[in-house]
Structure formats: structure tokens, C-alpha cells
């Protein structure tokens, strides 16, 4: 299927209540973030508020979906830990090696 001028986003949110992470995919990042903040997403409704800490944009849906799957894997979480090392080190009480980015369970 062809999506004219469509952009597909893969994003990482950090819970400000429990410091956990959520990795997701959307075609409308602003609307999706609003849904997370408003508790409209079952997977994140009990862990907000959320802060967007990372995103990537793709022109092909399949590329974005593949990237989301990768980021939810152990290797993807290691990539994010390296990519976000400055942010993770700055967050109070947060050690990059101790984050749940080490946890291979998709959130």
C-alpha cells in the first residue's frame, strides 16, 4: 500500500512515575503522545505521565515496524542505552546499566 507523504514514527517514552520505558510506533506522533498522556492507551495508562525522550521518522511503514521490533529486542535496548547515555546519566537516580532498557521484555 502506498501512503503519499506519510511519515512513520518509532518512539521511546519514559515514565515520570516509575522511570520505566515504552517503545511504540505511530503515524501521528503528536496525537499518539496525547493519547499516552491522557491515559487512552491501555499499555501505558497506569504509568504516566510520560516524557518523549527519543524518536525516529521513516518514509516506509515496513522500515518503521522493523525498527520498533529491533528496539524492543536486547540488541535494540543496548543501542538505546548507548544512544541515550547522556540523557540517562542526567536523570536523577538513574544508572545507564541499571535501566530497564536492559530488560528484553517489550513495553
PDB file of N, CA and C in Angstrom:
ATOM      1  N   UNK A   1       0.837  -1.169   0.000  1.00  0.00           N
ATOM      2  CA  UNK A   1       0.000   0.000   0.000  1.00  0.00           C
ATOM      3  C   UNK A   1       0.890   1.243   0.000  1.00  0.00           C
ATOM      4  N   UNK A   2       0.528   2.225  -0.770  1.00  0.00           N
ATOM      5  CA  UNK A   2       1.293   3.462  -0.874  1.00  0.00           C
ATOM      6  C   UNK A   2       0.646   4.525   0.003  1.00  0.00           C
ATOM      7  N   UNK A   3       1.455   5.212   0.792  1.00  0.00           N
ATOM      8  CA  UNK A   3       0.992   6.285   1.658  1.00  0.00           C
ATOM      9  C   UNK A   3       1.641   7.572   1.175  1.00  0.00           C
ATOM     10  N   UNK A   4       0.917   8.436   0.473  1.00  0.00           N
ATOM     11  CA  UNK A   4       1.529   9.666  -0.030  1.00  0.00           C
ATOM     12  C   UNK A   4       1.981  10.570   1.111  1.00  0.00           C
ATOM     13  N   UNK A   5       3.254  10.917   1.076  1.00  0.00           N
ATOM     14  CA  UNK A   5       3.832  11.839   2.049  1.00  0.00           C
ATOM     15  C   UNK A   5       3.644  11.404   3.505  1.00  0.00           C
ATOM     16  N   UNK A   6       3.428  10.121   3.740  1.00  0.00           N
ATOM     17  CA  UNK A   6       3.247   9.637   5.103  1.00  0.00           C
ATOM     18  C   UNK A   6       4.599   9.535   5.797  1.00  0.00           C
ATOM     19  N   UNK A   7       4.555   9.753   7.102  1.00  0.00           N
ATOM     20  CA  UNK A   7       5.739   9.578   7.939  1.00  0.00           C
ATOM     21  C   UNK A   7       5.350   8.606   9.041  1.00  0.00           C
ATOM     22  N   UNK A   8       6.244   7.679   9.327  1.00  0.00           N
ATOM     23  CA  UNK A   8       6.013   6.649  10.329  1.00  0.00           C
ATOM     24  C   UNK A   8       7.051   6.814  11.427  1.00  0.00           C
ATOM     25  N   UNK A   9       6.579   6.917  12.656  1.00  0.00           N
ATOM     26  CA  UNK A   9       7.457   7.216  13.784  1.00  0.00           C
ATOM     27  C   UNK A   9       7.625   6.010  14.699  1.00  0.00           C
ATOM     28  N   UNK A  10       8.845   5.828  15.166  1.00  0.00           N
ATOM     29  CA  UNK A  10       9.156   4.906  16.244  1.00  0.00           C
ATOM     30  C   UNK A  10       9.632   5.795  17.383  1.00  0.00           C
ATOM     31  N   UNK A  11       9.119   5.569  18.576  1.00  0.00           N
ATOM     32  CA  UNK A  11       9.413   6.499  19.660  1.00  0.00           C
ATOM     33  C   UNK A  11       9.661   5.762  20.972  1.00  0.00           C
ATOM     34  N   UNK A  12      10.341   6.456  21.880  1.00  0.00           N
ATOM     35  CA  UNK A  12      10.597   5.936  23.227  1.00  0.00           C
ATOM     36  C   UNK A  12      10.086   6.968  24.221  1.00  0.00           C
ATOM     37  N   UNK A  13       9.259   6.510  25.142  1.00  0.00           N
ATOM     38  CA  UNK A  13       8.751   7.342  26.219  1.00  0.00           C
ATOM     39  C   UNK A  13       9.366   6.879  27.532  1.00  0.00           C
ATOM     40  N   UNK A  14       9.531   7.805  28.447  1.00  0.00           N
ATOM     41  CA  UNK A  14       9.981   7.478  29.807  1.00  0.00           C
ATOM     42  C   UNK A  14       8.889   7.888  30.776  1.00  0.00           C
ATOM     43  N   UNK A  15       8.503   6.961  31.628  1.00  0.00           N
ATOM     44  CA  UNK A  15       7.500   7.242  32.644  1.00  0.00           C
ATOM     45  C   UNK A  15       8.113   8.112  33.725  1.00  0.00           C
ATOM     46  N   UNK A  16       7.473   9.215  34.030  1.00  0.00           N
ATOM     47  CA  UNK A  16       7.949  10.079  35.100  1.00  0.00           C
ATOM     48  C   UNK A  16       7.515   9.563  36.470  1.00  0.00           C
ATOM     49  N   UNK A  17       6.636   8.549  36.503  1.00  0.00           N
ATOM     50  CA  UNK A  17       6.205   7.997  37.785  1.00  0.00           C
ATOM     51  C   UNK A  17       7.052   6.808  38.225  1.00  0.00           C
ATOM     52  N   UNK A  18       7.490   5.950  37.277  1.00  0.00           N
ATOM     53  CA  UNK A  18       8.271   4.777  37.679  1.00  0.00           C
ATOM     54  C   UNK A  18       9.595   4.630  36.914  1.00  0.00           C
ATOM     55  N   UNK A  19       9.940   5.611  36.082  1.00  0.00           N
ATOM     56  CA  UNK A  19      11.179   5.632  35.290  1.00  0.00           C
ATOM     57  C   UNK A  19      11.260   4.512  34.261  1.00  0.00           C
ATOM     58  N   UNK A  20      10.161   3.837  34.013  1.00  0.00           N
ATOM     59  CA  UNK A  20      10.134   2.793  33.003  1.00  0.00           C
ATOM     60  C   UNK A  20      10.047   3.380  31.602  1.00  0.00           C
ATOM     61  N   UNK A  21      10.202   2.532  30.627  1.00  0.00           N
ATOM     62  CA  UNK A  21      10.192   2.960  29.234  1.00  0.00           C
ATOM     63  C   UNK A  21       9.086   2.270  28.460  1.00  0.00           C
ATOM     64  N   UNK A  22       8.668   2.930  27.393  1.00  0.00           N
ATOM     65  CA  UNK A  22       7.706   2.362  26.458  1.00  0.00           C
ATOM     66  C   UNK A  22       8.205   2.659  25.054  1.00  0.00           C
ATOM     67  N   UNK A  23       8.259   1.651  24.211  1.00  0.00           N
ATOM     68  CA  UNK A  23       8.682   1.801  22.819  1.00  0.00           C
ATOM     69  C   UNK A  23       7.458   1.579  21.955  1.00  0.00           C
ATOM     70  N   UNK A  24       7.170   2.529  21.057  1.00  0.00           N
ATOM     71  CA  UNK A  24       5.977   2.426  20.244  1.00  0.00           C
ATOM     72  C   UNK A  24       6.172   2.898  18.811  1.00  0.00           C
ATOM     73  N   UNK A  25       5.096   2.807  18.050  1.00  0.00           N
ATOM     74  CA  UNK A  25       5.060   3.139  16.630  1.00  0.00           C
ATOM     75  C   UNK A  25       3.782   3.933  16.374  1.00  0.00           C
ATOM     76  N   UNK A  26       3.861   4.943  15.508  1.00  0.00           N
ATOM     77  CA  UNK A  26       2.671   5.726  15.177  1.00  0.00           C
ATOM     78  C   UNK A  26       2.860   6.463  13.859  1.00  0.00           C
ATOM     79  N   UNK A  27       1.757   6.780  13.224  1.00  0.00           N
ATOM     80  CA  UNK A  27       1.792   7.620  12.032  1.00  0.00           C
ATOM     81  C   UNK A  27       1.531   9.080  12.387  1.00  0.00           C
ATOM     82  N   UNK A  28       1.095   9.324  13.614  1.00  0.00           N
ATOM     83  CA  UNK A  28       0.841  10.683  14.071  1.00  0.00           C
ATOM     84  C   UNK A  28       1.406  10.814  15.480  1.00  0.00           C
ATOM     85  N   UNK A  29       2.641  11.223  15.583  1.00  0.00           N
ATOM     86  CA  UNK A  29       3.338  11.237  16.861  1.00  0.00           C
ATOM     87  C   UNK A  29       2.674  12.159  17.878  1.00  0.00           C
ATOM     88  N   UNK A  30       2.286  13.345  17.464  1.00  0.00           N
ATOM     89  CA  UNK A  30       1.656  14.279  18.412  1.00  0.00           C
ATOM     90  C   UNK A  30       0.364  13.708  18.991  1.00  0.00           C
ATOM     91  N   UNK A  31      -0.485  13.162  18.138  1.00  0.00           N
ATOM     92  CA  UNK A  31      -1.754  12.598  18.613  1.00  0.00           C
ATOM     93  C   UNK A  31      -1.500  11.386  19.507  1.00  0.00           C
ATOM     94  N   UNK A  32      -0.528  10.571  19.147  1.00  0.00           N
ATOM     95  CA  UNK A  32      -0.232   9.380  19.946  1.00  0.00           C
ATOM     96  C   UNK A  32       0.315   9.768  21.318  1.00  0.00           C
ATOM     97  N   UNK A  33       1.164  10.773  21.384  1.00  0.00           N
ATOM     98  CA  UNK A  33       1.671  11.236  22.673  1.00  0.00           C
ATOM     99  C   UNK A  33       0.526  11.750  23.542  1.00  0.00           C
ATOM    100  N   UNK A  34      -0.384  12.462  22.931  1.00  0.00           N
ATOM    101  CA  UNK A  34      -1.555  12.961  23.659  1.00  0.00           C
ATOM    102  C   UNK A  34      -2.363  11.794  24.227  1.00  0.00           C
ATOM    103  N   UNK A  35      -2.521  10.731  23.447  1.00  0.00           N
ATOM    104  CA  UNK A  35      -3.245   9.547  23.926  1.00  0.00           C
ATOM    105  C   UNK A  35      -2.540   8.935  25.140  1.00  0.00           C
ATOM    106  N   UNK A  36      -1.225   8.835  25.067  1.00  0.00           N
ATOM    107  CA  UNK A  36      -0.474   8.307  26.217  1.00  0.00           C
ATOM    108  C   UNK A  36      -0.669   9.204  27.437  1.00  0.00           C
ATOM    109  N   UNK A  37      -0.563  10.504  27.245  1.00  0.00           N
ATOM    110  CA  UNK A  37      -0.695  11.448  28.363  1.00  0.00           C
ATOM    111  C   UNK A  37      -2.101  11.433  28.964  1.00  0.00           C
ATOM    112  N   UNK A  38      -3.092  11.222  28.123  1.00  0.00           N
ATOM    113  CA  UNK A  38      -4.486  11.244  28.584  1.00  0.00           C
ATOM    114  C   UNK A  38      -4.960   9.888  29.101  1.00  0.00           C
ATOM    115  N   UNK A  39      -4.066   8.896  29.150  1.00  0.00           N
ATOM    116  CA  UNK A  39      -4.425   7.575  29.659  1.00  0.00           C
ATOM    117  C   UNK A  39      -5.281   6.759  28.710  1.00  0.00           C
ATOM    118  N   UNK A  40      -5.259   7.087  27.425  1.00  0.00           N
ATOM    119  CA  UNK A  40      -6.093   6.399  26.440  1.00  0.00           C
ATOM    120  C   UNK A  40      -5.433   5.153  25.855  1.00  0.00           C
ATOM    121  N   UNK A  41      -4.202   4.882  26.229  1.00  0.00           N
ATOM    122  CA  UNK A  41      -3.511   3.685  25.765  1.00  0.00           C
ATOM    123  C   UNK A  41      -3.460   2.683  26.916  1.00  0.00           C
ATOM    124  N   UNK A  42      -4.034   1.510  26.726  1.00  0.00           N
ATOM    125  CA  UNK A  42      -4.096   0.514  27.795  1.00  0.00           C
ATOM    126  C   UNK A  42      -2.708   0.198  28.345  1.00  0.00           C
ATOM    127  N   UNK A  43      -1.726   0.059  27.456  1.00  0.00           N
ATOM    128  CA  UNK A  43      -0.382  -0.355  27.867  1.00  0.00           C
ATOM    129  C   UNK A  43       0.319   0.669  28.750  1.00  0.00           C
ATOM    130  N   UNK A  44      -0.073   1.924  28.655  1.00  0.00           N
ATOM    131  CA  UNK A  44       0.639   2.974  29.396  1.00  0.00           C
ATOM    132  C   UNK A  44      -0.241   3.764  30.351  1.00  0.00           C
ATOM    133  N   UNK A  45      -1.523   3.468  30.403  1.00  0.00           N
ATOM    134  CA  UNK A  45      -2.458   4.312  31.155  1.00  0.00           C
ATOM    135  C   UNK A  45      -2.153   4.387  32.645  1.00  0.00           C
ATOM    136  N   UNK A  46      -1.590   3.365  33.236  1.00  0.00           N
ATOM    137  CA  UNK A  46      -1.358   3.335  34.677  1.00  0.00           C
ATOM    138  C   UNK A  46       0.047   3.781  35.080  1.00  0.00           C
ATOM    139  N   UNK A  47       0.879   4.222  34.103  1.00  0.00           N
ATOM    140  CA  UNK A  47       2.274   4.535  34.419  1.00  0.00           C
ATOM    141  C   UNK A  47       2.678   5.958  34.086  1.00  0.00           C
ATOM    142  N   UNK A  48       1.758   6.824  33.700  1.00  0.00           N
ATOM    143  CA  UNK A  48       2.099   8.188  33.313  1.00  0.00           C
ATOM    144  C   UNK A  48       2.375   9.074  34.496  1.00  0.00           C
ATOM    145  N   UNK A  49       2.719  10.307  34.286  1.00  0.00           N
ATOM    146  CA  UNK A  49       2.870  10.970  32.981  1.00  0.00           C
ATOM    147  C   UNK A  49       4.123  10.491  32.241  1.00  0.00           C
ATOM    148  N   UNK A  50       4.136  10.755  30.938  1.00  0.00           N
ATOM    149  CA  UNK A  50       5.188  10.292  30.049  1.00  0.00           C
ATOM    150  C   UNK A  50       5.965  11.452  29.456  1.00  0.00           C
ATOM    151  N   UNK A  51       7.230  11.187  29.167  1.00  0.00           N
ATOM    152  CA  UNK A  51       8.087  12.165  28.504  1.00  0.00           C
ATOM    153  C   UNK A  51       8.684  11.507  27.262  1.00  0.00           C
ATOM    154  N   UNK A  52       8.550  12.168  26.115  1.00  0.00           N
ATOM    155  CA  UNK A  52       9.177  11.683  24.892  1.00  0.00           C
ATOM    156  C   UNK A  52      10.678  11.920  25.008  1.00  0.00           C
ATOM    157  N   UNK A  53      11.477  10.855  24.895  1.00  0.00           N
ATOM    158  CA  UNK A  53      12.920  11.015  25.020  1.00  0.00           C
ATOM    159  C   UNK A  53      13.673  10.655  23.742  1.00  0.00           C
ATOM    160  N   UNK A  54      12.981  10.045  22.762  1.00  0.00           N
ATOM    161  CA  UNK A  54      13.674   9.646  21.542  1.00  0.00           C
ATOM    162  C   UNK A  54      12.642   9.297  20.484  1.00  0.00           C
ATOM    163  N   UNK A  55      12.929   9.661  19.229  1.00  0.00           N
ATOM    164  CA  UNK A  55      12.090   9.169  18.133  1.00  0.00           C
ATOM    165  C   UNK A  55      12.886   9.148  16.840  1.00  0.00           C
ATOM    166  N   UNK A  56      12.405   8.326  15.925  1.00  0.00           N
ATOM    167  CA  UNK A  56      12.953   8.234  14.574  1.00  0.00           C
ATOM    168  C   UNK A  56      11.779   8.311  13.616  1.00  0.00           C
ATOM    169  N   UNK A  57      11.998   8.877  12.436  1.00  0.00           N
ATOM    170  CA  UNK A  57      10.947   9.003  11.423  1.00  0.00           C
ATOM    171  C   UNK A  57      11.359   8.242  10.171  1.00  0.00           C
ATOM    172  N   UNK A  58      10.393   7.570   9.576  1.00  0.00           N
ATOM    173  CA  UNK A  58      10.624   6.748   8.375  1.00  0.00           C
ATOM    174  C   UNK A  58       9.587   7.077   7.312  1.00  0.00           C
ATOM    175  N   UNK A  59       9.970   6.903   6.062  1.00  0.00           N
ATOM    176  CA  UNK A  59       9.032   7.093   4.957  1.00  0.00           C
ATOM    177  C   UNK A  59       8.328   5.791   4.578  1.00  0.00           C
ATOM    178  N   UNK A  60       8.836   4.660   5.040  1.00  0.00           N
ATOM    179  CA  UNK A  60       8.243   3.353   4.739  1.00  0.00           C
ATOM    180  C   UNK A  60       7.763   2.687   6.015  1.00  0.00           C
ATOM    181  N   UNK A  61       6.505   2.269   6.022  1.00  0.00           N
ATOM    182  CA  UNK A  61       5.908   1.610   7.188  1.00  0.00           C
ATOM    183  C   UNK A  61       6.724   0.388   7.612  1.00  0.00           C
ATOM    184  N   UNK A  62       7.112  -0.425   6.659  1.00  0.00           N
ATOM    185  CA  UNK A  62       7.830  -1.662   6.977  1.00  0.00           C
ATOM    186  C   UNK A  62       9.157  -1.366   7.686  1.00  0.00           C
ATOM    187  N   UNK A  63       9.830  -0.295   7.285  1.00  0.00           N
ATOM    188  CA  UNK A  63      11.089   0.077   7.942  1.00  0.00           C
ATOM    189  C   UNK A  63      10.838   0.479   9.392  1.00  0.00           C
ATOM    190  N   UNK A  64       9.802   1.261   9.633  1.00  0.00           N
ATOM    191  CA  UNK A  64       9.485   1.697  10.994  1.00  0.00           C
ATOM    192  C   UNK A  64       9.063   0.513  11.865  1.00  0.00           C
ATOM    193  N   UNK A  65       8.244  -0.364  11.323  1.00  0.00           N
ATOM    194  CA  UNK A  65       7.807  -1.526  12.098  1.00  0.00           C
ATOM    195  C   UNK A  65       8.991  -2.441  12.424  1.00  0.00           C
ATOM    196  N   UNK A  66       9.901  -2.602  11.476  1.00  0.00           N
ATOM    197  CA  UNK A  66      11.103  -3.398  11.727  1.00  0.00           C
ATOM    198  C   UNK A  66      11.979  -2.758  12.784  1.00  0.00           C
ATOM    199  N   UNK A  67      12.086  -1.443  12.745  1.00  0.00           N
ATOM    200  CA  UNK A  67      12.909  -0.730  13.724  1.00  0.00           C
ATOM    201  C   UNK A  67      12.294  -0.836  15.119  1.00  0.00           C
ATOM    202  N   UNK A  68      10.967  -0.717  15.211  1.00  0.00           N
ATOM    203  CA  UNK A  68      10.303  -0.878  16.508  1.00  0.00           C
ATOM    204  C   UNK A  68      10.595  -2.265  17.078  1.00  0.00           C
ATOM    205  N   UNK A  69      10.477  -3.281  16.251  1.00  0.00           N
ATOM    206  CA  UNK A  69      10.754  -4.652  16.703  1.00  0.00           C
ATOM    207  C   UNK A  69      12.199  -4.771  17.184  1.00  0.00           C
ATOM    208  N   UNK A  70      13.141  -4.185  16.439  1.00  0.00           N
ATOM    209  CA  UNK A  70      14.543  -4.222  16.838  1.00  0.00           C
ATOM    210  C   UNK A  70      14.759  -3.525  18.177  1.00  0.00           C
ATOM    211  N   UNK A  71      14.195  -2.327  18.337  1.00  0.00           N
ATOM    212  CA  UNK A  71      14.406  -1.569  19.573  1.00  0.00           C
ATOM    213  C   UNK A  71      13.847  -2.294  20.803  1.00  0.00           C
ATOM    214  N   UNK A  72      12.865  -3.154  20.604  1.00  0.00           N
ATOM    215  CA  UNK A  72      12.300  -3.931  21.705  1.00  0.00           C
ATOM    216  C   UNK A  72      13.127  -5.178  22.015  1.00  0.00           C
ATOM    217  N   UNK A  73      14.122  -5.459  21.187  1.00  0.00           N
ATOM    218  CA  UNK A  73      14.990  -6.620  21.408  1.00  0.00           C
ATOM    219  C   UNK A  73      16.129  -6.253  22.347  1.00  0.00           C
ATOM    220  N   UNK A  74      16.863  -7.239  22.785  1.00  0.00           N
ATOM    221  CA  UNK A  74      18.024  -6.987  23.641  1.00  0.00           C
ATOM    222  C   UNK A  74      19.051  -6.102  22.964  1.00  0.00           C
ATOM    223  N   UNK A  75      19.344  -6.374  21.696  1.00  0.00           N
ATOM    224  CA  UNK A  75      20.317  -5.556  20.962  1.00  0.00           C
ATOM    225  C   UNK A  75      19.798  -4.132  20.790  1.00  0.00           C
ATOM    226  N   UNK A  76      18.503  -3.985  20.561  1.00  0.00           N
ATOM    227  CA  UNK A  76      17.915  -2.657  20.413  1.00  0.00           C
ATOM    228  C   UNK A  76      17.960  -1.862  21.700  1.00  0.00           C
ATOM    229  N   UNK A  77      17.728  -2.520  22.814  1.00  0.00           N
ATOM    230  CA  UNK A  77      17.808  -1.840  24.102  1.00  0.00           C
ATOM    231  C   UNK A  77      19.242  -1.436  24.419  1.00  0.00           C
ATOM    232  N   UNK A  78      20.197  -2.263  24.022  1.00  0.00           N
ATOM    233  CA  UNK A  78      21.608  -1.872  24.195  1.00  0.00           C
ATOM    234  C   UNK A  78      21.921  -0.660  23.329  1.00  0.00           C
ATOM    235  N   UNK A  79      21.398  -0.630  22.089  1.00  0.00           N
ATOM    236  CA  UNK A  79      21.577   0.527  21.219  1.00  0.00           C
ATOM    237  C   UNK A  79      21.016   1.783  21.883  1.00  0.00           C
ATOM    238  N   UNK A  80      19.788   1.686  22.402  1.00  0.00           N
ATOM    239  CA  UNK A  80      19.164   2.856  23.041  1.00  0.00           C
ATOM    240  C   UNK A  80      19.952   3.304  24.265  1.00  0.00           C
ATOM    241  N   UNK A  81      20.438   2.364  25.044  1.00  0.00           N
ATOM    242  CA  UNK A  81      21.222   2.714  26.225  1.00  0.00           C
ATOM    243  C   UNK A  81      22.465   3.496  25.818  1.00  0.00           C
ATOM    244  N   UNK A  82      23.102   3.087  24.710  1.00  0.00           N
ATOM    245  CA  UNK A  82      24.278   3.801  24.209  1.00  0.00           C
ATOM    246  C   UNK A  82      23.873   5.148  23.610  1.00  0.00           C
ATOM    247  N   UNK A  83      22.829   5.156  22.807  1.00  0.00           N
ATOM    248  CA  UNK A  83      22.373   6.369  22.131  1.00  0.00           C
ATOM    249  C   UNK A  83      21.935   7.440  23.124  1.00  0.00           C
ATOM    250  N   UNK A  84      21.320   7.018  24.215  1.00  0.00           N
ATOM    251  CA  UNK A  84      20.737   7.948  25.190  1.00  0.00           C
ATOM    252  C   UNK A  84      21.583   8.064  26.451  1.00  0.00           C
ATOM    253  N   UNK A  85      22.849   7.681  26.388  1.00  0.00           N
ATOM    254  CA  UNK A  85      23.691   7.626  27.588  1.00  0.00           C
ATOM    255  C   UNK A  85      23.765   8.962  28.317  1.00  0.00           C
ATOM    256  N   UNK A  86      23.824  10.070  27.605  1.00  0.00           N
ATOM    257  CA  UNK A  86      23.914  11.377  28.265  1.00  0.00           C
ATOM    258  C   UNK A  86      22.607  11.693  28.992  1.00  0.00           C
ATOM    259  N   UNK A  87      21.495  11.440  28.344  1.00  0.00           N
ATOM    260  CA  UNK A  87      20.198  11.662  28.978  1.00  0.00           C
ATOM    261  C   UNK A  87      20.045  10.759  30.207  1.00  0.00           C
ATOM    262  N   UNK A  88      20.355   9.483  30.046  1.00  0.00           N
ATOM    263  CA  UNK A  88      20.184   8.526  31.132  1.00  0.00           C
ATOM    264  C   UNK A  88      21.080   8.858  32.333  1.00  0.00           C
ATOM    265  N   UNK A  89      22.273   9.339  32.065  1.00  0.00           N
ATOM    266  CA  UNK A  89      23.179   9.714  33.149  1.00  0.00           C
ATOM    267  C   UNK A  89      22.711  10.976  33.872  1.00  0.00           C
ATOM    268  N   UNK A  90      21.969  11.821  33.176  1.00  0.00           N
ATOM    269  CA  UNK A  90      21.494  13.080  33.746  1.00  0.00           C
ATOM    270  C   UNK A  90      20.243  12.889  34.600  1.00  0.00           C
ATOM    271  N   UNK A  91      19.456  11.872  34.277  1.00  0.00           N
ATOM    272  CA  UNK A  91      18.211  11.641  35.005  1.00  0.00           C
ATOM    273  C   UNK A  91      18.546  11.197  36.431  1.00  0.00           C
ATOM    274  N   UNK A  92      17.960  11.888  37.373  1.00  0.00           N
ATOM    275  CA  UNK A  92      18.266  11.635  38.791  1.00  0.00           C
ATOM    276  C   UNK A  92      18.024  10.173  39.162  1.00  0.00           C
ATOM    277  N   UNK A  93      19.003   9.598  39.860  1.00  0.00           N
ATOM    278  CA  UNK A  93      18.863   8.234  40.356  1.00  0.00           C
ATOM    279  C   UNK A  93      18.910   7.183  39.275  1.00  0.00           C
ATOM    280  N   UNK A  94      19.491   7.519  38.155  1.00  0.00           N
ATOM    281  CA  UNK A  94      19.433   6.619  37.022  1.00  0.00           C
ATOM    282  C   UNK A  94      20.830   6.227  36.592  1.00  0.00           C
ATOM    283  N   UNK A  95      21.141   4.968  36.602  1.00  0.00           N
ATOM    284  CA  UNK A  95      22.421   4.464  36.086  1.00  0.00           C
ATOM    285  C   UNK A  95      22.125   3.770  34.773  1.00  0.00           C
ATOM    286  N   UNK A  96      22.859   4.100  33.735  1.00  0.00           N
ATOM    287  CA  UNK A  96      22.576   3.552  32.406  1.00  0.00           C
ATOM    288  C   UNK A  96      22.527   2.025  32.409  1.00  0.00           C
ATOM    289  N   UNK A  97      23.408   1.366  33.144  1.00  0.00           N
ATOM    290  CA  UNK A  97      23.406  -0.091  33.168  1.00  0.00           C
ATOM    291  C   UNK A  97      22.245  -0.648  33.977  1.00  0.00           C
ATOM    292  N   UNK A  98      21.678   0.145  34.848  1.00  0.00           N
ATOM    293  CA  UNK A  98      20.599  -0.346  35.695  1.00  0.00           C
ATOM    294  C   UNK A  98      19.210  -0.056  35.162  1.00  0.00           C
ATOM    295  N   UNK A  99      19.109   0.489  33.975  1.00  0.00           N
ATOM    296  CA  UNK A  99      17.799   0.857  33.447  1.00  0.00           C
ATOM    297  C   UNK A  99      17.056  -0.370  32.959  1.00  0.00           C
ATOM    298  N   UNK A 100      15.750  -0.236  32.805  1.00  0.00           N
ATOM    299  CA  UNK A 100      15.021  -1.358  32.256  1.00  0.00           C
ATOM    300  C   UNK A 100      15.161  -1.414  30.743  1.00  0.00           C
ATOM    301  N   UNK A 101      16.046  -0.603  30.185  1.00  0.00           N
ATOM    302  CA  UNK A 101      16.407  -0.798  28.779  1.00  0.00           C
ATOM    303  C   UNK A 101      17.186  -2.094  28.653  1.00  0.00           C
ATOM    304  N   UNK A 102      17.691  -2.639  29.784  1.00  0.00           N
ATOM    305  CA  UNK A 102      18.340  -3.937  29.782  1.00  0.00           C
ATOM    306  C   UNK A 102      17.306  -5.057  29.720  1.00  0.00           C
ATOM    307  N   UNK A 103      16.087  -4.766  30.128  1.00  0.00           N
ATOM    308  CA  UNK A 103      15.026  -5.757  30.182  1.00  0.00           C
ATOM    309  C   UNK A 103      14.529  -6.028  28.769  1.00  0.00           C
ATOM    310  N   UNK A 104      14.637  -7.260  28.257  1.00  0.00           N
ATOM    311  CA  UNK A 104      14.231  -7.556  26.889  1.00  0.00           C
ATOM    312  C   UNK A 104      12.714  -7.599  26.699  1.00  0.00           C
ATOM    313  N   UNK A 105      11.952  -7.487  27.777  1.00  0.00           N
ATOM    314  CA  UNK A 105      10.502  -7.530  27.653  1.00  0.00           C
ATOM    315  C   UNK A 105       9.999  -6.258  26.995  1.00  0.00           C
ATOM    316  N   UNK A 106       9.244  -6.372  25.872  1.00  0.00           N
ATOM    317  CA  UNK A 106       8.691  -5.167  25.228  1.00  0.00           C
ATOM    318  C   UNK A 106       7.708  -4.485  26.159  1.00  0.00           C
ATOM    319  N   UNK A 107       7.730  -3.164  26.179  1.00  0.00           N
ATOM    320  CA  UNK A 107       6.788  -2.378  26.990  1.00  0.00           C
ATOM    321  C   UNK A 107       5.905  -1.575  26.093  1.00  0.00           C
TER     322      UNK A 107
END
